[in-house]
C-alpha atoms as a PDB file:
ATOM      1  CA  MET A   1      -1.657  26.440  -5.834  1.00  0.00           C
ATOM      2  CA  SER A   2      -5.055  25.341  -7.145  1.00  0.00           C
ATOM      3  CA  ARG A   3      -5.867  21.687  -7.786  1.00  0.00           C
ATOM      4  CA  ASN A   4      -6.233  22.317 -11.534  1.00  0.00           C
ATOM      5  CA  SER A   5      -2.855  24.074 -11.710  1.00  0.00           C
ATOM      6  CA  TYR A   6      -1.272  21.192  -9.780  1.00  0.00           C
ATOM      7  CA  TYR A   7      -2.513  18.542 -12.215  1.00  0.00           C
ATOM      8  CA  THR A   8      -1.776  20.678 -15.293  1.00  0.00           C
ATOM      9  CA  LEU A   9       1.841  21.139 -14.221  1.00  0.00           C
ATOM     10  CA  ILE A  10       2.266  17.426 -13.559  1.00  0.00           C
ATOM     11  CA  GLN A  11       0.821  16.462 -16.946  1.00  0.00           C
ATOM     12  CA  ARG A  12       3.185  18.826 -18.744  1.00  0.00           C
ATOM     13  CA  ILE A  13       6.344  17.386 -17.184  1.00  0.00           C
ATOM     14  CA  ILE A  14       5.486  13.743 -16.430  1.00  0.00           C
ATOM     15  CA  PRO A  15       2.389  12.892 -18.513  1.00  0.00           C
ATOM     16  CA  ASP A  16       2.797   9.130 -17.999  1.00  0.00           C
ATOM     17  CA  ILE A  17       2.799   9.318 -14.185  1.00  0.00           C
ATOM     18  CA  GLU A  18       0.343   7.028 -12.384  1.00  0.00           C
ATOM     19  CA  PHE A  19      -1.215   7.766  -9.001  1.00  0.00           C
ATOM     20  CA  HIS A  20      -0.202   5.012  -6.569  1.00  0.00           C
ATOM     21  CA  GLN A  21      -3.831   4.091  -5.814  1.00  0.00           C
ATOM     22  CA  ASN A  22      -4.561   3.590  -9.507  1.00  0.00           C
ATOM     23  CA  ARG A  23      -1.531   1.302  -9.796  1.00  0.00           C
ATOM     24  CA  TYR A  24      -2.616  -0.638  -6.725  1.00  0.00           C
ATOM     25  CA  ALA A  25      -6.152  -0.958  -8.111  1.00  0.00           C
ATOM     26  CA  ARG A  26      -4.768  -2.637 -11.239  1.00  0.00           C
ATOM     27  CA  GLU A  27      -2.483  -5.012  -9.330  1.00  0.00           C
ATOM     28  CA  LEU A  28      -5.243  -5.919  -6.883  1.00  0.00           C
ATOM     29  CA  ASP A  29      -7.850  -6.493  -9.586  1.00  0.00           C
ATOM     30  CA  ALA A  30      -5.500  -8.913 -11.372  1.00  0.00           C
ATOM     31  CA  CYS A  31      -5.276 -10.999  -8.180  1.00  0.00           C
ATOM     32  CA  VAL A  32      -9.012 -11.228  -7.482  1.00  0.00           C
ATOM     33  CA  GLY A  33     -10.337 -14.385  -9.083  1.00  0.00           C
ATOM     34  CA  ASP A  34     -13.957 -15.486  -9.135  1.00  0.00           C
ATOM     35  CA  GLN A  35     -15.349 -16.535  -5.756  1.00  0.00           C
ATOM     36  CA  ILE A  36     -12.100 -16.087  -3.840  1.00  0.00           C
ATOM     37  CA  ARG A  37     -11.879 -15.690  -0.069  1.00  0.00           C
ATOM     38  CA  TRP A  38     -10.306 -12.295   0.575  1.00  0.00           C
ATOM     39  CA  LEU A  39      -8.835 -10.630   3.667  1.00  0.00           C
ATOM     40  CA  ASP A  40      -7.999  -6.896   3.590  1.00  0.00           C
ATOM     41  CA  LEU A  41      -5.526  -5.885   6.321  1.00  0.00           C
ATOM     42  CA  GLY A  42      -5.812  -2.381   7.747  1.00  0.00           C
ATOM     43  CA  CYS A  43      -8.778  -1.981   5.435  1.00  0.00           C
ATOM     44  CA  GLY A  44      -9.952   1.407   6.683  1.00  0.00           C
ATOM     45  CA  VAL A  45     -13.014   2.929   5.057  1.00  0.00           C
ATOM     46  CA  GLN A  46     -12.426   1.680   1.494  1.00  0.00           C
ATOM     47  CA  ILE A  47     -10.444  -0.834  -0.571  1.00  0.00           C
ATOM     48  CA  HIS A  48      -8.609   1.834  -2.556  1.00  0.00           C
ATOM     49  CA  SER A  49      -9.058   5.430  -3.693  1.00  0.00           C
ATOM     50  CA  GLY A  50      -8.052   5.006  -7.330  1.00  0.00           C
ATOM     51  CA  TRP A  51     -10.115   6.770  -9.985  1.00  0.00           C
ATOM     52  CA  VAL A  52      -8.641   5.286 -13.183  1.00  0.00           C
ATOM     53  CA  GLY A  53      -8.967   1.588 -13.934  1.00  0.00           C
ATOM     54  CA  PRO A  54     -10.876  -1.100 -12.001  1.00  0.00           C
ATOM     55  CA  THR A  55     -13.322   0.270  -9.453  1.00  0.00           C
ATOM     56  CA  GLU A  56     -13.301  -1.168  -5.952  1.00  0.00           C
ATOM     57  CA  GLN A  57     -16.952  -2.180  -6.367  1.00  0.00           C
ATOM     58  CA  ALA A  58     -16.251  -4.177  -9.544  1.00  0.00           C
ATOM     59  CA  THR A  59     -13.238  -5.885  -8.010  1.00  0.00           C
ATOM     60  CA  ARG A  60     -15.110  -6.712  -4.809  1.00  0.00           C
ATOM     61  CA  ALA A  61     -18.064  -8.159  -6.730  1.00  0.00           C
ATOM     62  CA  ARG A  62     -15.988 -11.090  -8.028  1.00  0.00           C
ATOM     63  CA  ALA A  63     -14.984 -12.323  -4.575  1.00  0.00           C
ATOM     64  CA  ALA A  64     -17.088 -14.788  -2.592  1.00  0.00           C
ATOM     65  CA  TYR A  65     -16.550 -12.660   0.491  1.00  0.00           C
ATOM     66  CA  LEU A  66     -14.295  -9.907   1.802  1.00  0.00           C
ATOM     67  CA  VAL A  67     -13.229  -9.766   5.439  1.00  0.00           C
ATOM     68  CA  GLY A  68     -11.898  -6.431   6.688  1.00  0.00           C
ATOM     69  CA  CYS A  69      -9.374  -6.374   9.517  1.00  0.00           C
ATOM     70  CA  ASP A  70      -8.481  -3.130  11.297  1.00  0.00           C
ATOM     71  CA  LEU A  71      -7.741  -1.791  14.765  1.00  0.00           C
ATOM     72  CA  ASP A  72     -10.026   1.193  14.161  1.00  0.00           C
ATOM     73  CA  LEU A  73     -13.567  -0.129  14.637  1.00  0.00           C
ATOM     74  CA  GLY A  74     -15.054   3.157  13.466  1.00  0.00           C
ATOM     75  CA  HIS A  75     -13.395   2.791  10.074  1.00  0.00           C
ATOM     76  CA  LEU A  76     -14.610  -0.800   9.801  1.00  0.00           C
ATOM     77  CA  ARG A  77     -18.202   0.311  10.293  1.00  0.00           C
ATOM     78  CA  VAL A  78     -17.927   2.867   7.472  1.00  0.00           C
ATOM     79  CA  ASN A  79     -16.578   0.392   4.895  1.00  0.00           C
ATOM     80  CA  GLN A  80     -19.684  -0.826   3.053  1.00  0.00           C
ATOM     81  CA  LEU A  81     -17.954  -3.393   0.816  1.00  0.00           C
ATOM     82  CA  LEU A  82     -17.056  -5.797   3.613  1.00  0.00           C
ATOM     83  CA  SER A  83     -18.805  -9.096   4.232  1.00  0.00           C
ATOM     84  CA  ALA A  84     -17.423  -9.228   7.782  1.00  0.00           C
ATOM     85  CA  ARG A  85     -15.549  -6.841  10.070  1.00  0.00           C
ATOM     86  CA  VAL A  86     -12.877  -7.963  12.528  1.00  0.00           C
ATOM     87  CA  GLY A  87     -11.055  -5.719  14.989  1.00  0.00           C
ATOM     88  CA  ALA A  88      -7.640  -7.355  15.286  1.00  0.00           C
ATOM     89  CA  ASP A  89      -3.892  -6.789  15.169  1.00  0.00           C
ATOM     90  CA  ALA A  90      -2.219  -8.141  12.024  1.00  0.00           C
ATOM     91  CA  GLU A  91       0.472  -9.672  14.253  1.00  0.00           C
ATOM     92  CA  ARG A  92      -2.162 -12.029  15.707  1.00  0.00           C
ATOM     93  CA  LEU A  93      -4.840 -12.765  13.121  1.00  0.00           C
ATOM     94  CA  PRO A  94      -7.857 -14.632  14.553  1.00  0.00           C
ATOM     95  CA  PHE A  95      -8.291 -16.922  11.542  1.00  0.00           C
ATOM     96  CA  ALA A  96      -7.563 -20.584  10.890  1.00  0.00           C
ATOM     97  CA  ASP A  97      -4.669 -21.701   8.715  1.00  0.00           C
ATOM     98  CA  GLY A  98      -5.393 -21.466   4.984  1.00  0.00           C
ATOM     99  CA  SER A  99      -8.576 -19.404   5.436  1.00  0.00           C
ATOM    100  CA  PHE A 100      -8.010 -17.028   2.488  1.00  0.00           C
ATOM    101  CA  ASP A 101      -6.986 -17.072  -1.160  1.00  0.00           C
ATOM    102  CA  LEU A 102      -5.951 -13.412  -1.104  1.00  0.00           C
ATOM    103  CA  VAL A 103      -4.611 -11.020   1.523  1.00  0.00           C
ATOM    104  CA  SER A 104      -4.283  -7.343   0.601  1.00  0.00           C
ATOM    105  CA  ALA A 105      -2.711  -4.352   2.325  1.00  0.00           C
ATOM    106  CA  ASN A 106      -3.154  -0.824   0.999  1.00  0.00           C
ATOM    107  CA  MET A 107      -0.596   1.566   2.540  1.00  0.00           C
ATOM    108  CA  VAL A 108      -0.216  -0.614   5.630  1.00  0.00           C
ATOM    109  CA  LEU A 109       3.337  -2.011   5.631  1.00  0.00           C
ATOM    110  CA  GLU A 110       4.851   1.318   6.650  1.00  0.00           C
ATOM    111  CA  HIS A 111       2.890   1.178   9.927  1.00  0.00           C
ATOM    112  CA  LEU A 112       4.097  -2.252  11.076  1.00  0.00           C
ATOM    113  CA  ARG A 113       6.134  -2.372  14.274  1.00  0.00           C
ATOM    114  CA  GLU A 114       6.925  -6.089  13.855  1.00  0.00           C
ATOM    115  CA  PRO A 115       6.697  -6.845  10.113  1.00  0.00           C
ATOM    116  CA  ALA A 116       8.267 -10.316  10.449  1.00  0.00           C
ATOM    117  CA  ARG A 117       5.316 -11.437  12.595  1.00  0.00           C
ATOM    118  CA  VAL A 118       2.800  -9.983  10.147  1.00  0.00           C
ATOM    119  CA  PHE A 119       4.393 -11.727   7.155  1.00  0.00           C
ATOM    120  CA  GLN A 120       4.324 -14.996   9.099  1.00  0.00           C
ATOM    121  CA  GLU A 121       0.649 -14.498   9.898  1.00  0.00           C
ATOM    122  CA  VAL A 122      -0.185 -13.636   6.291  1.00  0.00           C
ATOM    123  CA  ALA A 123       1.557 -16.808   5.116  1.00  0.00           C
ATOM    124  CA  ARG A 124      -0.285 -18.857   7.734  1.00  0.00           C
ATOM    125  CA  VAL A 125      -3.805 -17.687   6.818  1.00  0.00           C
ATOM    126  CA  LEU A 126      -3.176 -17.945   3.069  1.00  0.00           C
ATOM    127  CA  ALA A 127      -4.183 -21.139   1.311  1.00  0.00           C
ATOM    128  CA  PRO A 128      -1.503 -22.792  -0.875  1.00  0.00           C
ATOM    129  CA  GLY A 129      -1.291 -20.832  -4.121  1.00  0.00           C
ATOM    130  CA  GLY A 130      -2.765 -17.746  -2.456  1.00  0.00           C
ATOM    131  CA  ALA A 131      -1.394 -14.221  -2.943  1.00  0.00           C
ATOM    132  CA  PHE A 132      -0.447 -11.280  -0.766  1.00  0.00           C
ATOM    133  CA  VAL A 133      -0.739  -7.990  -2.680  1.00  0.00           C
ATOM    134  CA  PHE A 134       0.251  -4.602  -1.288  1.00  0.00           C
ATOM    135  CA  VAL A 135       1.311  -1.043  -2.021  1.00  0.00           C
ATOM    136  CA  THR A 136       3.425   1.024   0.364  1.00  0.00           C
ATOM    137  CA  PRO A 137       5.871   3.957   0.368  1.00  0.00           C
ATOM    138  CA  ASN A 138       9.450   3.155  -0.605  1.00  0.00           C
ATOM    139  CA  ARG A 139      11.858   3.635   2.319  1.00  0.00           C
ATOM    140  CA  TRP A 140      14.601   4.874  -0.034  1.00  0.00           C
ATOM    141  CA  HIS A 141      12.674   7.731  -1.598  1.00  0.00           C
ATOM    142  CA  PRO A 142      14.775  10.795  -0.637  1.00  0.00           C
ATOM    143  CA  ALA A 143      12.001  12.602   1.253  1.00  0.00           C
ATOM    144  CA  ILE A 144      10.861   9.488   3.118  1.00  0.00           C
ATOM    145  CA  ALA A 145      14.428   8.489   3.959  1.00  0.00           C
ATOM    146  CA  ALA A 146      15.213  11.947   5.318  1.00  0.00           C
ATOM    147  CA  LEU A 147      12.016  12.254   7.352  1.00  0.00           C
ATOM    148  CA  SER A 148      12.344   8.759   8.818  1.00  0.00           C
ATOM    149  CA  LEU A 149      15.867   9.547   9.998  1.00  0.00           C
ATOM    150  CA  ILE A 150      15.283  13.074  11.301  1.00  0.00           C
ATOM    151  CA  VAL A 151      11.658  13.252  12.446  1.00  0.00           C
ATOM    152  CA  ALA A 152      10.175  11.000  15.146  1.00  0.00           C
ATOM    153  CA  PRO A 153       7.082   8.934  14.179  1.00  0.00           C
ATOM    154  CA  ARG A 154       4.779  11.074  16.340  1.00  0.00           C
ATOM    155  CA  TRP A 155       5.851  14.283  14.598  1.00  0.00           C
ATOM    156  CA  ARG A 156       5.739  12.678  11.140  1.00  0.00           C
ATOM    157  CA  ARG A 157       2.043  12.112  11.776  1.00  0.00           C
ATOM    158  CA  PHE A 158       1.446  15.823  12.365  1.00  0.00           C
ATOM    159  CA  LEU A 159       3.616  16.729   9.364  1.00  0.00           C
ATOM    160  CA  ALA A 160       1.515  14.485   7.110  1.00  0.00           C
ATOM    161  CA  HIS A 161      -1.594  16.176   8.460  1.00  0.00           C
ATOM    162  CA  SER A 162      -0.181  19.624   7.630  1.00  0.00           C
ATOM    163  CA  VAL A 163       1.144  18.774   4.162  1.00  0.00           C
ATOM    164  CA  GLU A 164      -1.617  16.477   2.903  1.00  0.00           C
ATOM    165  CA  GLY A 165      -4.569  17.926   4.776  1.00  0.00           C
ATOM    166  CA  ARG A 166      -5.833  14.502   5.875  1.00  0.00           C
ATOM    167  CA  PRO A 167      -7.697  14.209   9.195  1.00  0.00           C
ATOM    168  CA  LEU A 168      -5.437  13.072  12.045  1.00  0.00           C
ATOM    169  CA  GLU A 169      -7.698  10.095  12.750  1.00  0.00           C
ATOM    170  CA  HIS A 170      -6.773   8.731   9.296  1.00  0.00           C
ATOM    171  CA  ILE A 171      -3.013   9.092   9.880  1.00  0.00           C
ATOM    172  CA  PHE A 172      -1.120   6.478  11.893  1.00  0.00           C
ATOM    173  CA  LEU A 173       2.450   6.162  13.136  1.00  0.00           C
ATOM    174  CA  THR A 174       4.982   5.068  10.512  1.00  0.00           C
ATOM    175  CA  PHE A 175       8.090   2.923  11.065  1.00  0.00           C
ATOM    176  CA  TYR A 176       9.170   1.874   7.517  1.00  0.00           C
ATOM    177  CA  ARG A 177      10.496  -1.515   8.646  1.00  0.00           C
ATOM    178  CA  ALA A 178       9.214  -3.388   5.581  1.00  0.00           C
ATOM    179  CA  ASN A 179       9.509  -0.694   2.945  1.00  0.00           C
ATOM    180  CA  SER A 180      12.245  -1.634   0.528  1.00  0.00           C
ATOM    181  CA  THR A 181      12.578  -4.460  -1.963  1.00  0.00           C
ATOM    182  CA  ALA A 182      15.380  -5.948   0.152  1.00  0.00           C
ATOM    183  CA  THR A 183      13.422  -6.003   3.421  1.00  0.00           C
ATOM    184  CA  VAL A 184      10.271  -7.319   1.745  1.00  0.00           C
ATOM    185  CA  ARG A 185      12.263 -10.135   0.118  1.00  0.00           C
ATOM    186  CA  ARG A 186      13.842 -10.988   3.462  1.00  0.00           C
ATOM    187  CA  HIS A 187      10.512 -11.108   5.309  1.00  0.00           C
ATOM    188  CA  ALA A 188       8.879 -13.005   2.454  1.00  0.00           C
ATOM    189  CA  GLN A 189      11.609 -15.638   2.390  1.00  0.00           C
ATOM    190  CA  SER A 190      11.430 -16.082   6.174  1.00  0.00           C
ATOM    191  CA  ALA A 191       7.645 -16.554   5.961  1.00  0.00           C
ATOM    192  CA  GLY A 192       7.809 -18.952   3.014  1.00  0.00           C
ATOM    193  CA  LEU A 193       6.332 -16.547   0.462  1.00  0.00           C
ATOM    194  CA  VAL A 194       7.716 -16.157  -3.054  1.00  0.00           C
ATOM    195  CA  PRO A 195       7.874 -12.724  -4.748  1.00  0.00           C
ATOM    196  CA  GLU A 196       5.903 -12.842  -7.976  1.00  0.00           C
ATOM    197  CA  ARG A 197       6.167  -9.098  -8.568  1.00  0.00           C
ATOM    198  CA  LEU A 198       8.041  -6.488  -6.595  1.00  0.00           C
ATOM    199  CA  ASP A 199       8.448  -3.098  -8.250  1.00  0.00           C
ATOM    200  CA  THR A 200       9.307   0.446  -7.274  1.00  0.00           C
ATOM    201  CA  PHE A 201       7.361   3.140  -9.110  1.00  0.00           C
ATOM    202  CA  SER A 202       6.795   6.887  -8.933  1.00  0.00           C
ATOM    203  CA  SER A 203       3.462   8.363  -7.926  1.00  0.00           C
ATOM    204  CA  TYR A 204       2.340  11.988  -7.908  1.00  0.00           C
ATOM    205  CA  PRO A 205       4.471  14.632  -6.167  1.00  0.00           C
ATOM    206  CA  MET A 206       4.292  14.456  -2.389  1.00  0.00           C
ATOM    207  CA  PHE A 207       3.986  18.221  -1.911  1.00  0.00           C
ATOM    208  CA  PRO A 208       0.851  19.946  -3.298  1.00  0.00           C
ATOM    209  CA  SER A 209       2.387  23.446  -3.170  1.00  0.00           C
ATOM    210  CA  PRO A 210       4.059  25.877  -3.719  1.00  0.00           C
ATOM    211  CA  ARG A 211       4.351  25.750  -7.486  1.00  0.00           C
ATOM    212  CA  LEU A 212       8.163  25.869  -7.510  1.00  0.00           C
ATOM    213  CA  LEU A 213       8.416  22.903  -5.160  1.00  0.00           C
ATOM    214  CA  VAL A 214       5.944  20.871  -7.238  1.00  0.00           C
ATOM    215  CA  PHE A 215       7.899  21.772 -10.382  1.00  0.00           C
ATOM    216  CA  LEU A 216      11.204  20.643  -8.853  1.00  0.00           C
ATOM    217  CA  GLU A 217       9.703  17.403  -7.574  1.00  0.00           C
ATOM    218  CA  CYS A 218       8.298  16.682 -11.033  1.00  0.00           C
ATOM    219  CA  LEU A 219      11.802  17.048 -12.462  1.00  0.00           C
ATOM    220  CA  VAL A 220      13.149  14.609  -9.861  1.00  0.00           C
ATOM    221  CA  ILE A 221      10.383  12.117 -10.671  1.00  0.00           C
ATOM    222  CA  SER A 222      11.181  12.440 -14.379  1.00  0.00           C
ATOM    223  CA  ALA A 223      14.858  11.696 -13.663  1.00  0.00           C
ATOM    224  CA  MET A 224      13.860   8.567 -11.728  1.00  0.00           C
ATOM    225  CA  ARG A 225      12.624   6.975 -14.941  1.00  0.00           C
ATOM    226  CA  CYS A 226      16.287   6.029 -15.314  1.00  0.00           C
ATOM    227  CA  THR A 227      16.818   2.421 -14.205  1.00  0.00           C
ATOM    228  CA  ALA A 228      19.876   3.414 -12.185  1.00  0.00           C
ATOM    229  CA  LEU A 229      17.637   5.584  -9.970  1.00  0.00           C
ATOM    230  CA  SER A 230      14.713   3.152  -9.723  1.00  0.00           C
ATOM    231  CA  ARG A 231      15.427   2.234  -6.080  1.00  0.00           C
ATOM    232  CA  PHE A 232      14.598   5.843  -5.105  1.00  0.00           C
ATOM    233  CA  ARG A 233      11.082   5.948  -6.583  1.00  0.00           C
ATOM    234  CA  SER A 234       8.309   6.860  -4.175  1.00  0.00           C
ATOM    235  CA  ASN A 235       6.312   3.632  -3.917  1.00  0.00           C
ATOM    236  CA  LEU A 236       6.645  -0.120  -3.770  1.00  0.00           C
ATOM    237  CA  VAL A 237       4.041  -2.551  -5.080  1.00  0.00           C
ATOM    238  CA  GLY A 238       4.240  -6.279  -4.642  1.00  0.00           C
ATOM    239  CA  VAL A 239       2.561  -9.630  -5.131  1.00  0.00           C
ATOM    240  CA  LEU A 240       3.897 -12.453  -2.965  1.00  0.00           C
ATOM    241  CA  ARG A 241       2.691 -16.000  -3.520  1.00  0.00           C
ATOM    242  CA  LYS A 242       2.381 -18.919  -1.128  1.00  0.00           C
ATOM    243  CA  PRO A 243       3.693 -21.998  -2.971  1.00  0.00           C
ATOM    244  CA  LYS A 244       1.194 -24.668  -3.936  1.00  0.00           C
ATOM    245  CA  LEU A 245       1.460 -28.066  -2.305  1.00  0.00           C
ATOM    246  CA  SER A 246       3.517 -30.494  -4.382  1.00  0.00           C
END
């Protein structure tokens, strides 16, 4: 199925659908105030890959500085929007308390082995009033739920490579231990963060072909517009806030 046919079919059935990176770009841009101190966890080679809405360059330009944190040093070197590059595990961030006004995580939460520790670290390095903004797959999306139960993390990596065509070096093990509204709320509460926004939403179909499969997935996505089915949408976006000092 050609790329043009893929997008044409989607627009016919679910014309109001929004690619998850475009949604994240909007949420992130709204959190970036002038001259903020910003930490991007698992930053990879770019801030986001959205093509509609705020560009990553425009959003970055408003911040005083942007620190990228990732375990892959090669990816850090490629990312040209960073002020500083730090190779570190999010479970043990090498920053002082209250160092940042914003922490972001683009498709990172699904890879966390110990999410409770990461949420605690995010809360620690955030200044009072600071925000943690993220986008991640929703654990209760039918395909994700099935794959996480049936397929081991190592094989899910190869499956993502086959289906999405992404290079293996850009695909990491997934655990889905902080990938539902309930688990995010629990980790946030434990870390002292307050949910300001926590929404499930549908992105583009997961499978790029064949045409029949894309068509059927579009119908499922359309059905998930119903509030009763909202917990099964493909993605989760959130903004958690560290309370200001009284």
